[in-house]
Amino acid sequence: MSSSSHVYGIPEYIPVDEKHPLAPVSVYGRSKVAAEHAWREYGGAVLRFFNVYGKGQRGDYLIPTILSQLNKGSVKLKNLDSRRDFVHVDDVVDALLVAVDFPGECFNIGSGRSYSVKEIAELLFKISNKKPKLISLNKRDRVRNLVADIGKAKRIMGWEPRVDLEEGLREVYEGFG
């Protein structure tokens, strides 16, 4: 079952492992906790995805938001300091395919590294050869830093992400629009 890092809420420690207390701060996160509890009755694996990105992503996510503003001379974002763990959709698909062999287990699926919103924007500027002004709207995130401990997925499933962030962002940029 696909779940989300939103189940963790504001992390008590970084990186967040699967034993971290579940304390969601959003309705979405609470719905994922409820779905996990229901799914456990069936014995399937639970995969908690961190920030998934890739071609065809909805426009209200961070990367498409940046890309849609590249040609406007400035890129306005809520907060530049928040840090997230980005994982490419191809790596997520690989994890889903492997996880079917591990019923009853729960795995974090991320890259195991955190990047600030500013770092993501600057990587996209580099890839696109554009230099728009980067503007922070200074809207605080309740969750300031979230990064996955993917050790269990590596150890038990033999899974680890293969798509490099810059390579994945380049693919998204080339397919955007």
N, C-alpha and C. Protein backbone atom coordinates (compact mmCIF):
# COMPACT_ATOMS: atom_id res chain seq x y z
N MET A 1 0.84 -1.17 0.00
CA MET A 1 0.00 0.00 0.00
C MET A 1 0.88 1.23 0.00
N SER A 2 0.47 2.25 -0.73
CA SER A 2 1.23 3.49 -0.73
C SER A 2 0.73 4.39 0.39
N SER A 3 1.67 4.79 1.23
CA SER A 3 1.39 5.73 2.31
C SER A 3 2.29 6.94 2.09
N SER A 4 2.51 7.70 3.13
CA SER A 4 3.21 8.97 2.98
C SER A 4 4.03 9.33 4.20
N SER A 5 5.06 10.11 3.99
CA SER A 5 5.85 10.65 5.09
C SER A 5 5.02 11.58 5.97
N HIS A 6 3.85 12.00 5.47
CA HIS A 6 2.97 12.87 6.25
C HIS A 6 2.49 12.19 7.53
N VAL A 7 2.61 10.87 7.63
CA VAL A 7 2.19 10.18 8.85
C VAL A 7 3.06 10.56 10.04
N TYR A 8 4.27 11.03 9.79
CA TYR A 8 5.21 11.34 10.87
C TYR A 8 4.98 12.71 11.50
N GLY A 9 4.42 13.65 10.76
CA GLY A 9 4.24 14.99 11.30
C GLY A 9 5.58 15.68 11.49
N ILE A 10 5.72 16.39 12.60
CA ILE A 10 6.96 17.10 12.91
C ILE A 10 7.93 16.09 13.53
N PRO A 11 9.02 15.80 12.85
CA PRO A 11 9.89 14.71 13.33
C PRO A 11 10.58 15.02 14.66
N GLU A 12 10.67 13.98 15.47
CA GLU A 12 11.39 14.08 16.75
C GLU A 12 12.88 13.89 16.53
N TYR A 13 13.25 13.24 15.44
CA TYR A 13 14.66 13.03 15.10
C TYR A 13 14.77 12.85 13.59
N ILE A 14 15.99 13.08 13.10
CA ILE A 14 16.30 12.98 11.67
C ILE A 14 17.52 12.08 11.53
N PRO A 15 17.58 11.17 10.59
CA PRO A 15 16.52 10.80 9.66
C PRO A 15 15.42 10.01 10.36
N VAL A 16 14.24 10.03 9.78
CA VAL A 16 13.07 9.38 10.35
C VAL A 16 13.04 7.92 9.92
N ASP A 17 13.01 7.02 10.90
CA ASP A 17 12.89 5.60 10.57
C ASP A 17 11.44 5.15 10.76
N GLU A 18 11.17 3.90 10.43
CA GLU A 18 9.80 3.38 10.47
C GLU A 18 9.26 3.25 11.89
N LYS A 19 10.14 3.30 12.90
CA LYS A 19 9.70 3.22 14.30
C LYS A 19 9.33 4.58 14.88
N HIS A 20 9.56 5.63 14.13
CA HIS A 20 9.24 6.98 14.59
C HIS A 20 7.75 7.05 14.93
N PRO A 21 7.39 7.74 16.03
CA PRO A 21 5.97 7.88 16.36
C PRO A 21 5.18 8.53 15.22
N LEU A 22 3.97 8.06 15.02
CA LEU A 22 3.08 8.63 14.02
C LEU A 22 2.31 9.77 14.68
N ALA A 23 2.53 10.99 14.18
CA ALA A 23 1.90 12.18 14.76
C ALA A 23 1.57 13.17 13.65
N PRO A 24 0.70 12.79 12.72
CA PRO A 24 0.41 13.67 11.58
C PRO A 24 -0.18 15.01 12.00
N VAL A 25 0.16 16.05 11.24
CA VAL A 25 -0.34 17.40 11.53
C VAL A 25 -1.35 17.87 10.50
N SER A 26 -1.75 16.96 9.60
CA SER A 26 -2.71 17.33 8.56
C SER A 26 -3.78 16.24 8.43
N VAL A 27 -4.90 16.61 7.85
CA VAL A 27 -5.96 15.65 7.58
C VAL A 27 -5.43 14.55 6.66
N TYR A 28 -4.65 14.95 5.66
CA TYR A 28 -4.06 13.98 4.73
C TYR A 28 -3.22 12.95 5.49
N GLY A 29 -2.36 13.42 6.39
CA GLY A 29 -1.52 12.52 7.17
C GLY A 29 -2.34 11.59 8.05
N ARG A 30 -3.40 12.13 8.68
CA ARG A 30 -4.27 11.30 9.51
C ARG A 30 -4.98 10.25 8.66
N SER A 31 -5.38 10.62 7.44
CA SER A 31 -6.06 9.65 6.57
C SER A 31 -5.11 8.52 6.18
N LYS A 32 -3.83 8.84 6.00
CA LYS A 32 -2.85 7.81 5.66
C LYS A 32 -2.61 6.86 6.84
N VAL A 33 -2.59 7.40 8.07
CA VAL A 33 -2.45 6.55 9.25
C VAL A 33 -3.63 5.59 9.33
N ALA A 34 -4.85 6.11 9.13
CA ALA A 34 -6.05 5.26 9.18
C ALA A 34 -6.00 4.19 8.09
N ALA A 35 -5.56 4.56 6.90
CA ALA A 35 -5.47 3.59 5.80
C ALA A 35 -4.43 2.51 6.12
N GLU A 36 -3.32 2.91 6.73
CA GLU A 36 -2.30 1.92 7.11
C GLU A 36 -2.87 0.91 8.09
N HIS A 37 -3.61 1.40 9.09
CA HIS A 37 -4.20 0.49 10.09
C HIS A 37 -5.16 -0.49 9.42
N ALA A 38 -5.98 0.01 8.51
CA ALA A 38 -6.93 -0.85 7.80
C ALA A 38 -6.19 -1.87 6.93
N TRP A 39 -5.14 -1.41 6.24
CA TRP A 39 -4.39 -2.28 5.33
C TRP A 39 -3.68 -3.40 6.07
N ARG A 40 -3.23 -3.13 7.28
CA ARG A 40 -2.49 -4.14 8.04
C ARG A 40 -3.33 -5.40 8.28
N GLU A 41 -4.66 -5.24 8.30
CA GLU A 41 -5.53 -6.41 8.46
C GLU A 41 -5.38 -7.38 7.29
N TYR A 42 -4.97 -6.87 6.14
CA TYR A 42 -4.79 -7.71 4.96
C TYR A 42 -3.37 -8.24 4.84
N GLY A 43 -2.46 -7.72 5.65
CA GLY A 43 -1.11 -8.24 5.69
C GLY A 43 -0.16 -7.77 4.60
N GLY A 44 -0.57 -6.81 3.80
CA GLY A 44 0.30 -6.31 2.74
C GLY A 44 1.38 -5.38 3.27
N ALA A 45 2.36 -5.11 2.45
CA ALA A 45 3.42 -4.17 2.81
C ALA A 45 2.91 -2.74 2.72
N VAL A 46 3.47 -1.88 3.56
CA VAL A 46 3.18 -0.45 3.55
C VAL A 46 4.45 0.28 3.15
N LEU A 47 4.34 1.15 2.15
CA LEU A 47 5.47 1.96 1.72
C LEU A 47 5.15 3.42 1.99
N ARG A 48 5.96 4.05 2.80
CA ARG A 48 5.78 5.47 3.13
C ARG A 48 6.67 6.29 2.21
N PHE A 49 6.04 6.89 1.21
CA PHE A 49 6.77 7.68 0.23
C PHE A 49 7.08 9.06 0.79
N PHE A 50 8.28 9.53 0.49
CA PHE A 50 8.63 10.90 0.84
C PHE A 50 8.27 11.75 -0.37
N ASN A 51 8.98 12.77 -0.73
CA ASN A 51 8.55 13.66 -1.82
C ASN A 51 8.86 13.04 -3.18
N VAL A 52 7.84 12.46 -3.78
CA VAL A 52 7.98 11.79 -5.08
C VAL A 52 7.90 12.85 -6.18
N TYR A 53 8.80 12.73 -7.15
CA TYR A 53 8.78 13.66 -8.29
C TYR A 53 9.04 12.88 -9.57
N GLY A 54 8.67 13.50 -10.68
CA GLY A 54 8.91 12.89 -11.98
C GLY A 54 8.06 13.56 -13.03
N LYS A 55 8.23 13.11 -14.27
CA LYS A 55 7.47 13.69 -15.39
C LYS A 55 5.97 13.51 -15.15
N GLY A 56 5.20 14.54 -15.52
CA GLY A 56 3.75 14.46 -15.44
C GLY A 56 3.17 14.77 -14.07
N GLN A 57 3.99 15.27 -13.17
CA GLN A 57 3.53 15.59 -11.82
C GLN A 57 2.54 16.75 -11.85
N ARG A 58 1.57 16.72 -10.95
CA ARG A 58 0.58 17.80 -10.85
C ARG A 58 1.27 19.15 -10.66
N GLY A 59 0.66 20.18 -11.22
CA GLY A 59 1.25 21.51 -11.23
C GLY A 59 1.38 22.20 -9.90
N ASP A 60 0.68 21.72 -8.86
CA ASP A 60 0.76 22.40 -7.57
C ASP A 60 1.88 21.86 -6.67
N TYR A 61 2.65 20.92 -7.15
CA TYR A 61 3.81 20.44 -6.41
C TYR A 61 5.01 21.36 -6.66
N LEU A 62 6.03 21.25 -5.79
CA LEU A 62 7.15 22.19 -5.81
C LEU A 62 7.84 22.28 -7.17
N ILE A 63 8.26 21.16 -7.73
CA ILE A 63 9.07 21.20 -8.95
C ILE A 63 8.30 21.79 -10.13
N PRO A 64 7.06 21.36 -10.41
CA PRO A 64 6.30 22.01 -11.48
C PRO A 64 6.00 23.49 -11.19
N THR A 65 5.85 23.83 -9.92
CA THR A 65 5.62 25.23 -9.55
C THR A 65 6.82 26.08 -9.96
N ILE A 66 8.01 25.58 -9.68
CA ILE A 66 9.23 26.30 -10.07
C ILE A 66 9.32 26.39 -11.59
N LEU A 67 9.14 25.26 -12.26
CA LEU A 67 9.27 25.22 -13.72
C LEU A 67 8.27 26.14 -14.41
N SER A 68 7.08 26.25 -13.88
CA SER A 68 6.06 27.09 -14.51
C SER A 68 6.38 28.58 -14.39
N GLN A 69 7.28 28.93 -13.49
CA GLN A 69 7.63 30.34 -13.28
C GLN A 69 8.98 30.72 -13.89
N LEU A 70 9.72 29.77 -14.43
CA LEU A 70 11.08 30.02 -14.92
C LEU A 70 11.18 31.17 -15.92
N ASN A 71 10.22 31.29 -16.80
CA ASN A 71 10.29 32.31 -17.86
C ASN A 71 9.68 33.64 -17.46
N LYS A 72 9.27 33.78 -16.21
CA LYS A 72 8.60 35.00 -15.76
C LYS A 72 9.55 36.02 -15.14
N GLY A 73 10.81 35.69 -15.05
CA GLY A 73 11.77 36.63 -14.48
C GLY A 73 11.96 36.47 -12.98
N SER A 74 10.97 35.86 -12.31
CA SER A 74 11.11 35.59 -10.88
C SER A 74 10.34 34.32 -10.54
N VAL A 75 10.82 33.65 -9.51
CA VAL A 75 10.17 32.45 -9.00
C VAL A 75 9.80 32.73 -7.55
N LYS A 76 8.51 32.68 -7.26
CA LYS A 76 8.01 32.95 -5.91
C LYS A 76 7.61 31.64 -5.26
N LEU A 77 8.20 31.39 -4.09
CA LEU A 77 7.93 30.16 -3.35
C LEU A 77 7.59 30.48 -1.90
N LYS A 78 6.83 29.60 -1.27
CA LYS A 78 6.37 29.84 0.10
C LYS A 78 7.52 30.00 1.08
N ASN A 79 8.49 29.10 1.02
CA ASN A 79 9.57 29.08 2.00
C ASN A 79 10.79 28.43 1.36
N LEU A 80 11.92 29.07 1.45
CA LEU A 80 13.13 28.55 0.81
C LEU A 80 13.95 27.62 1.70
N ASP A 81 13.68 27.68 3.00
CA ASP A 81 14.52 26.94 3.95
C ASP A 81 14.03 25.54 4.28
N SER A 82 12.76 25.25 4.04
CA SER A 82 12.23 23.92 4.36
C SER A 82 13.02 22.87 3.59
N ARG A 83 13.25 21.74 4.25
CA ARG A 83 14.04 20.66 3.65
C ARG A 83 13.19 19.41 3.51
N ARG A 84 13.35 18.75 2.36
CA ARG A 84 12.58 17.54 2.08
C ARG A 84 13.48 16.50 1.41
N ASP A 85 13.00 15.29 1.44
CA ASP A 85 13.68 14.15 0.83
C ASP A 85 12.94 13.84 -0.47
N PHE A 86 13.62 14.01 -1.60
CA PHE A 86 13.02 13.81 -2.92
C PHE A 86 13.43 12.47 -3.50
N VAL A 87 12.44 11.73 -4.01
CA VAL A 87 12.69 10.42 -4.60
C VAL A 87 11.97 10.36 -5.95
N HIS A 88 12.67 9.86 -6.95
CA HIS A 88 12.14 9.81 -8.32
C HIS A 88 11.07 8.73 -8.44
N VAL A 89 10.06 8.99 -9.24
CA VAL A 89 8.95 8.06 -9.43
C VAL A 89 9.42 6.69 -9.93
N ASP A 90 10.46 6.63 -10.74
CA ASP A 90 10.98 5.33 -11.20
C ASP A 90 11.48 4.49 -10.03
N ASP A 91 12.11 5.15 -9.05
CA ASP A 91 12.58 4.44 -7.86
C ASP A 91 11.40 3.97 -7.01
N VAL A 92 10.34 4.76 -6.97
CA VAL A 92 9.13 4.38 -6.23
C VAL A 92 8.50 3.14 -6.87
N VAL A 93 8.42 3.12 -8.18
CA VAL A 93 7.87 1.96 -8.89
C VAL A 93 8.70 0.71 -8.58
N ASP A 94 10.02 0.84 -8.61
CA ASP A 94 10.89 -0.29 -8.28
C ASP A 94 10.60 -0.80 -6.87
N ALA A 95 10.43 0.12 -5.92
CA ALA A 95 10.15 -0.27 -4.53
C ALA A 95 8.81 -1.01 -4.43
N LEU A 96 7.81 -0.52 -5.14
CA LEU A 96 6.50 -1.18 -5.12
C LEU A 96 6.59 -2.61 -5.65
N LEU A 97 7.34 -2.79 -6.72
CA LEU A 97 7.47 -4.12 -7.31
C LEU A 97 8.19 -5.10 -6.39
N VAL A 98 9.17 -4.61 -5.64
CA VAL A 98 9.92 -5.47 -4.73
C VAL A 98 9.11 -5.74 -3.45
N ALA A 99 8.35 -4.76 -2.99
CA ALA A 99 7.65 -4.84 -1.70
C ALA A 99 6.60 -5.94 -1.64
N VAL A 100 6.08 -6.37 -2.78
CA VAL A 100 5.06 -7.42 -2.77
C VAL A 100 5.58 -8.71 -2.14
N ASP A 101 6.87 -8.88 -2.11
CA ASP A 101 7.47 -10.07 -1.51
C ASP A 101 7.70 -9.94 -0.01
N PHE A 102 7.25 -8.81 0.58
CA PHE A 102 7.49 -8.57 2.00
C PHE A 102 6.20 -8.15 2.71
N PRO A 103 5.20 -9.04 2.73
CA PRO A 103 3.92 -8.69 3.35
C PRO A 103 4.08 -8.41 4.85
N GLY A 104 3.30 -7.45 5.33
CA GLY A 104 3.33 -7.11 6.74
C GLY A 104 4.43 -6.15 7.14
N GLU A 105 5.33 -5.84 6.23
CA GLU A 105 6.44 -4.92 6.53
C GLU A 105 6.07 -3.48 6.17
N CYS A 106 6.76 -2.56 6.79
CA CYS A 106 6.60 -1.13 6.51
C CYS A 106 7.97 -0.57 6.14
N PHE A 107 8.02 0.19 5.05
CA PHE A 107 9.29 0.74 4.57
C PHE A 107 9.17 2.21 4.23
N ASN A 108 10.19 2.98 4.60
CA ASN A 108 10.32 4.36 4.12
C ASN A 108 10.94 4.32 2.73
N ILE A 109 10.35 5.09 1.81
CA ILE A 109 10.87 5.15 0.45
C ILE A 109 11.22 6.61 0.14
N GLY A 110 12.50 6.89 0.15
CA GLY A 110 13.01 8.23 -0.13
C GLY A 110 14.42 8.08 -0.67
N SER A 111 15.15 9.18 -0.67
CA SER A 111 16.54 9.13 -1.13
C SER A 111 17.51 9.00 0.04
N GLY A 112 17.02 9.33 1.25
CA GLY A 112 17.89 9.33 2.41
C GLY A 112 18.69 10.62 2.54
N ARG A 113 18.36 11.62 1.70
CA ARG A 113 19.04 12.93 1.74
C ARG A 113 17.99 14.02 1.73
N SER A 114 18.29 15.13 2.39
CA SER A 114 17.34 16.24 2.36
C SER A 114 17.92 17.40 1.57
N TYR A 115 17.03 18.09 0.89
CA TYR A 115 17.39 19.25 0.08
C TYR A 115 16.44 20.38 0.44
N SER A 116 16.98 21.59 0.52
CA SER A 116 16.12 22.74 0.79
C SER A 116 15.38 23.12 -0.49
N VAL A 117 14.28 23.82 -0.31
CA VAL A 117 13.52 24.33 -1.46
C VAL A 117 14.45 25.19 -2.31
N LYS A 118 15.29 25.98 -1.66
CA LYS A 118 16.24 26.83 -2.39
C LYS A 118 17.20 25.99 -3.23
N GLU A 119 17.71 24.90 -2.68
CA GLU A 119 18.62 24.03 -3.43
C GLU A 119 17.94 23.43 -4.66
N ILE A 120 16.69 23.03 -4.51
CA ILE A 120 15.94 22.47 -5.65
C ILE A 120 15.77 23.54 -6.72
N ALA A 121 15.37 24.74 -6.31
CA ALA A 121 15.19 25.83 -7.27
C ALA A 121 16.50 26.13 -8.00
N GLU A 122 17.59 26.21 -7.25
CA GLU A 122 18.88 26.53 -7.87
C GLU A 122 19.35 25.43 -8.83
N LEU A 123 19.07 24.18 -8.51
CA LEU A 123 19.40 23.08 -9.44
C LEU A 123 18.60 23.22 -10.73
N LEU A 124 17.32 23.57 -10.62
CA LEU A 124 16.49 23.76 -11.81
C LEU A 124 16.95 24.96 -12.62
N PHE A 125 17.41 26.01 -11.95
CA PHE A 125 17.95 27.18 -12.66
C PHE A 125 19.19 26.76 -13.46
N LYS A 126 20.06 25.96 -12.82
CA LYS A 126 21.29 25.48 -13.47
C LYS A 126 20.94 24.62 -14.69
N ILE A 127 20.02 23.69 -14.52
CA ILE A 127 19.62 22.78 -15.61
C ILE A 127 19.03 23.55 -16.78
N SER A 128 18.24 24.58 -16.47
CA SER A 128 17.53 25.33 -17.52
C SER A 128 18.36 26.47 -18.11
N ASN A 129 19.51 26.76 -17.50
CA ASN A 129 20.33 27.91 -17.91
C ASN A 129 19.54 29.22 -17.80
N LYS A 130 18.68 29.31 -16.80
CA LYS A 130 17.91 30.54 -16.56
C LYS A 130 18.28 31.05 -15.19
N LYS A 131 18.18 32.36 -15.03
CA LYS A 131 18.55 32.96 -13.76
C LYS A 131 17.47 33.91 -13.25
N PRO A 132 16.27 33.39 -12.98
CA PRO A 132 15.23 34.27 -12.45
C PRO A 132 15.54 34.65 -11.01
N LYS A 133 14.90 35.70 -10.56
CA LYS A 133 15.04 36.12 -9.17
C LYS A 133 14.24 35.14 -8.32
N LEU A 134 14.85 34.68 -7.23
CA LEU A 134 14.19 33.74 -6.33
C LEU A 134 13.61 34.52 -5.15
N ILE A 135 12.30 34.43 -4.96
CA ILE A 135 11.61 35.21 -3.94
C ILE A 135 10.93 34.27 -2.95
N SER A 136 11.21 34.49 -1.66
CA SER A 136 10.54 33.73 -0.61
C SER A 136 9.35 34.53 -0.11
N LEU A 137 8.19 33.89 -0.04
CA LEU A 137 7.00 34.53 0.51
C LEU A 137 6.96 34.39 2.03
N ASN A 138 7.98 33.77 2.58
CA ASN A 138 8.16 33.62 4.03
C ASN A 138 6.96 33.02 4.75
N LYS A 139 6.36 32.02 4.13
CA LYS A 139 5.28 31.28 4.79
C LYS A 139 5.90 30.07 5.47
N ARG A 140 5.81 30.02 6.77
CA ARG A 140 6.45 28.96 7.55
C ARG A 140 5.79 27.61 7.30
N ASP A 141 6.62 26.60 7.16
CA ASP A 141 6.14 25.22 7.10
C ASP A 141 6.07 24.67 8.51
N ARG A 142 5.02 23.93 8.81
CA ARG A 142 4.96 23.30 10.13
C ARG A 142 6.06 22.25 10.25
N VAL A 143 6.31 21.54 9.17
CA VAL A 143 7.38 20.54 9.16
C VAL A 143 8.56 21.16 8.41
N ARG A 144 9.61 21.50 9.15
CA ARG A 144 10.73 22.23 8.58
C ARG A 144 11.75 21.33 7.88
N ASN A 145 11.92 20.12 8.39
CA ASN A 145 12.93 19.22 7.83
C ASN A 145 12.42 17.79 7.94
N LEU A 146 12.47 17.07 6.84
CA LEU A 146 12.01 15.68 6.85
C LEU A 146 12.88 14.88 5.88
N VAL A 147 13.55 13.88 6.41
CA VAL A 147 14.40 13.02 5.58
C VAL A 147 14.21 11.58 6.04
N ALA A 148 14.15 10.68 5.08
CA ALA A 148 13.90 9.27 5.36
C ALA A 148 15.17 8.53 5.75
N ASP A 149 15.02 7.66 6.72
CA ASP A 149 16.03 6.63 6.97
C ASP A 149 15.59 5.45 6.11
N ILE A 150 16.33 5.15 5.07
CA ILE A 150 15.95 4.08 4.14
C ILE A 150 16.73 2.78 4.40
N GLY A 151 17.36 2.72 5.56
CA GLY A 151 18.18 1.56 5.91
C GLY A 151 17.40 0.25 5.90
N LYS A 152 16.17 0.27 6.38
CA LYS A 152 15.37 -0.97 6.43
C LYS A 152 15.05 -1.46 5.01
N ALA A 153 14.69 -0.55 4.12
CA ALA A 153 14.39 -0.93 2.73
C ALA A 153 15.64 -1.52 2.06
N LYS A 154 16.80 -0.94 2.35
CA LYS A 154 18.05 -1.47 1.78
C LYS A 154 18.36 -2.85 2.33
N ARG A 155 18.24 -2.98 3.65
CA ARG A 155 18.61 -4.21 4.34
C ARG A 155 17.67 -5.37 4.02
N ILE A 156 16.38 -5.12 4.08
CA ILE A 156 15.41 -6.21 3.94
C ILE A 156 15.01 -6.47 2.49
N MET A 157 14.72 -5.40 1.76
CA MET A 157 14.25 -5.58 0.37
C MET A 157 15.38 -5.55 -0.65
N GLY A 158 16.55 -5.03 -0.23
CA GLY A 158 17.63 -4.84 -1.19
C GLY A 158 17.36 -3.69 -2.14
N TRP A 159 16.47 -2.79 -1.72
CA TRP A 159 16.08 -1.64 -2.56
C TRP A 159 16.88 -0.41 -2.15
N GLU A 160 17.27 0.35 -3.13
CA GLU A 160 17.78 1.70 -2.88
C GLU A 160 17.55 2.53 -4.13
N PRO A 161 17.43 3.85 -3.95
CA PRO A 161 17.17 4.70 -5.12
C PRO A 161 18.34 4.69 -6.09
N ARG A 162 18.01 4.76 -7.38
CA ARG A 162 19.05 4.75 -8.42
C ARG A 162 19.13 6.06 -9.18
N VAL A 163 18.03 6.80 -9.22
CA VAL A 163 18.00 8.03 -10.02
C VAL A 163 18.59 9.18 -9.21
N ASP A 164 19.67 9.73 -9.72
CA ASP A 164 20.33 10.90 -9.14
C ASP A 164 19.39 12.10 -9.24
N LEU A 165 19.35 12.94 -8.21
CA LEU A 165 18.43 14.08 -8.19
C LEU A 165 18.60 14.98 -9.40
N GLU A 166 19.83 15.37 -9.72
CA GLU A 166 20.04 16.27 -10.86
C GLU A 166 19.60 15.62 -12.17
N GLU A 167 19.90 14.35 -12.33
CA GLU A 167 19.48 13.61 -13.52
C GLU A 167 17.94 13.57 -13.61
N GLY A 168 17.29 13.29 -12.49
CA GLY A 168 15.83 13.24 -12.46
C GLY A 168 15.20 14.59 -12.73
N LEU A 169 15.77 15.65 -12.17
CA LEU A 169 15.25 17.00 -12.42
C LEU A 169 15.44 17.39 -13.88
N ARG A 170 16.55 17.00 -14.47
CA ARG A 170 16.79 17.28 -15.89
C ARG A 170 15.71 16.61 -16.75
N GLU A 171 15.39 15.38 -16.43
CA GLU A 171 14.34 14.65 -17.15
C GLU A 171 12.99 15.38 -17.03
N VAL A 172 12.67 15.84 -15.82
CA VAL A 172 11.41 16.56 -15.61
C VAL A 172 11.42 17.87 -16.40
N TYR A 173 12.54 18.59 -16.34
CA TYR A 173 12.65 19.85 -17.07
C TYR A 173 12.45 19.64 -18.57
N GLU A 174 13.12 18.63 -19.11
CA GLU A 174 13.04 18.37 -20.56
C GLU A 174 11.64 17.95 -21.00
N GLY A 175 10.88 17.35 -20.09
CA GLY A 175 9.53 16.91 -20.42
C GLY A 175 8.44 17.89 -20.02
N PHE A 176 8.84 19.02 -19.44
CA PHE A 176 7.84 19.97 -18.92
C PHE A 176 7.26 20.83 -20.04
N GLY A 177 5.95 21.09 -19.89
CA GLY A 177 5.29 22.04 -20.80
C GLY A 177 4.74 21.37 -21.95
